[in-house]
Protein backbone atom coordinates (compact mmCIF):
# COMPACT_ATOMS: atom_id res chain seq x y z
CA UNK A 1 0.00 0.00 0.00
CA UNK A 2 1.39 3.40 -0.98
CA UNK A 3 1.61 5.83 1.89
CA UNK A 4 0.23 9.28 1.21
CA UNK A 5 2.62 12.04 2.16
CA UNK A 6 0.79 15.13 3.39
CA UNK A 7 0.84 18.13 1.03
CA UNK A 8 2.17 20.32 3.85
CA UNK A 9 5.21 18.07 4.25
CA UNK A 10 6.02 18.32 0.54
CA UNK A 11 5.79 22.09 0.72
CA UNK A 12 7.81 22.34 3.93
CA UNK A 13 10.63 20.25 2.48
CA UNK A 14 10.63 22.22 -0.79
CA UNK A 15 10.75 25.53 1.09
CA UNK A 16 13.66 24.34 3.23
CA UNK A 17 15.56 22.99 0.24
CA UNK A 18 15.00 26.15 -1.82
CA UNK A 19 16.37 28.25 1.05
CA UNK A 20 19.83 26.95 0.06
CA UNK A 21 21.26 29.75 -2.10
CA UNK A 22 22.75 27.56 -4.85
CA UNK A 23 19.59 25.59 -5.60
CA UNK A 24 17.73 26.50 -8.79
CA UNK A 25 14.90 23.92 -8.68
CA UNK A 26 13.57 21.30 -6.28
CA UNK A 27 10.81 18.87 -7.09
CA UNK A 28 9.30 15.54 -6.18
CA UNK A 29 8.88 13.35 -9.26
CA UNK A 30 6.73 10.21 -9.27
CA UNK A 31 8.17 6.88 -10.38
CA UNK A 32 6.30 7.28 -13.68
CA UNK A 33 8.06 10.59 -14.33
CA UNK A 34 5.30 13.05 -13.40
CA UNK A 35 6.14 16.10 -11.31
CA UNK A 36 4.17 15.82 -8.06
CA UNK A 37 5.28 19.10 -6.56
CA UNK A 38 8.16 21.35 -7.50
CA UNK A 39 9.33 24.89 -7.78
CA UNK A 40 12.08 27.02 -9.24
CA UNK A 41 13.81 29.62 -7.10
CA UNK A 42 12.01 32.93 -7.70
CA UNK A 43 14.85 34.55 -9.67
CA UNK A 44 15.57 31.54 -11.92
CA UNK A 45 14.63 31.34 -15.58
CA UNK A 46 14.43 27.65 -16.60
CA UNK A 47 16.68 26.44 -19.42
CA UNK A 48 13.93 24.13 -20.73
CA UNK A 49 10.33 24.70 -21.72
CA UNK A 50 7.51 22.74 -20.02
CA UNK A 51 7.60 19.88 -22.54
CA UNK A 52 11.37 19.49 -22.21
CA UNK A 53 11.09 19.57 -18.41
CA UNK A 54 8.54 16.75 -18.56
CA UNK A 55 10.95 14.75 -20.72
CA UNK A 56 13.71 15.28 -18.13
CA UNK A 57 11.36 13.96 -15.41
CA UNK A 58 10.46 10.85 -17.44
CA UNK A 59 14.10 10.08 -18.27
CA UNK A 60 15.08 10.58 -14.64
CA UNK A 61 12.45 8.06 -13.52
CA UNK A 62 13.71 5.56 -16.10
CA UNK A 63 17.35 5.98 -14.97
CA UNK A 64 16.40 5.52 -11.33
CA UNK A 65 14.44 2.34 -12.06
CA UNK A 66 17.35 0.98 -14.11
CA UNK A 67 19.82 1.54 -11.26
CA UNK A 68 17.67 -0.46 -8.83
CA UNK A 69 18.67 -3.75 -10.46
CA UNK A 70 22.08 -3.48 -8.75
CA UNK A 71 20.70 -2.73 -5.27
CA UNK A 72 21.08 -6.39 -4.26
CA UNK A 73 24.85 -6.33 -4.78
CA UNK A 74 25.91 -2.71 -4.20
CA UNK A 75 23.15 -1.42 -1.97
CA UNK A 76 20.58 1.22 -2.85
CA UNK A 77 21.56 4.54 -4.40
CA UNK A 78 21.48 7.35 -1.84
CA UNK A 79 21.85 10.06 -4.49
CA UNK A 80 23.39 10.62 -7.87
CA UNK A 81 24.67 13.79 -9.48
CA UNK A 82 25.86 15.09 -12.80
CA UNK A 83 27.77 18.30 -13.34
CA UNK A 84 26.89 20.10 -16.55
CA UNK A 85 28.25 23.31 -17.95
CA UNK A 86 25.23 25.36 -16.82
CA UNK A 87 24.01 23.44 -13.78
CA UNK A 88 24.33 20.47 -11.47
CA UNK A 89 21.51 17.94 -11.45
CA UNK A 90 21.03 15.69 -8.42
CA UNK A 91 18.50 12.96 -7.77
CA UNK A 92 17.59 11.29 -4.50
CA UNK A 93 15.58 8.08 -4.98
CA UNK A 94 12.93 7.99 -2.26
CA UNK A 95 10.35 5.38 -1.36
CA UNK A 96 7.71 6.10 -4.01
CA UNK A 97 9.25 9.07 -5.76
CA UNK A 98 12.42 10.92 -6.62
CA UNK A 99 13.65 14.23 -5.25
CA UNK A 100 15.18 16.16 -8.15
CA UNK A 101 17.45 19.11 -7.43
CA UNK A 102 19.16 21.43 -9.88
CA UNK A 103 21.82 23.80 -8.60
CA UNK A 104 24.30 26.36 -9.80
CA UNK A 105 27.28 24.80 -11.63
CA UNK A 106 29.88 25.79 -9.01
CA UNK A 107 28.17 24.01 -6.10
CA UNK A 108 30.02 21.44 -4.01
CA UNK A 109 27.97 18.34 -4.83
CA UNK A 110 28.77 16.27 -1.75
CA UNK A 111 28.23 19.17 0.64
CA UNK A 112 24.87 19.97 -0.98
CA UNK A 113 23.81 16.30 -0.91
CA UNK A 114 24.60 16.18 2.80
CA UNK A 115 22.50 19.32 3.38
CA UNK A 116 19.59 17.85 1.42
CA UNK A 117 19.70 14.64 3.47
CA UNK A 118 19.82 16.75 6.64
CA UNK A 119 16.77 18.73 5.48
CA UNK A 120 14.88 15.50 4.87
CA UNK A 121 16.00 14.67 8.42
CA UNK A 122 14.11 12.04 10.33
CA UNK A 123 11.68 11.91 7.42
CA UNK A 124 14.50 10.45 5.30
CA UNK A 125 13.71 6.97 6.62
CA UNK A 126 10.02 7.17 5.76
CA UNK A 127 10.71 8.84 2.43
CA UNK A 128 13.48 6.40 1.62
CA UNK A 129 11.66 3.37 2.95
CA UNK A 130 14.08 2.18 5.61
């Protein structure tokens, strides 16, 4: 049975995450690739249009599901990141969704990932499914 996460909790986590100055976008993406809840920082102009953003979400969901086949031998993915010329993209596979973060290109990836996990806090276990 899929647990419903209260709307207020989504919003609280997004607000906390977006308070980090280097973050451009934070969003919760369903396992099918649909954005459940997300937001750009107020001063950010997205690089992609809505259709391209939806394609990013779908491809992210596919990549996450593909990585799960190695969980038995290497353990589950805590987060993954890619550094691009214009931004850093990070994904955190959660229980029934994915937290997608984009950040400024100069961000320290490991430091930011640690902050994100701290923001998820005690909820990390219920989000992650531990």
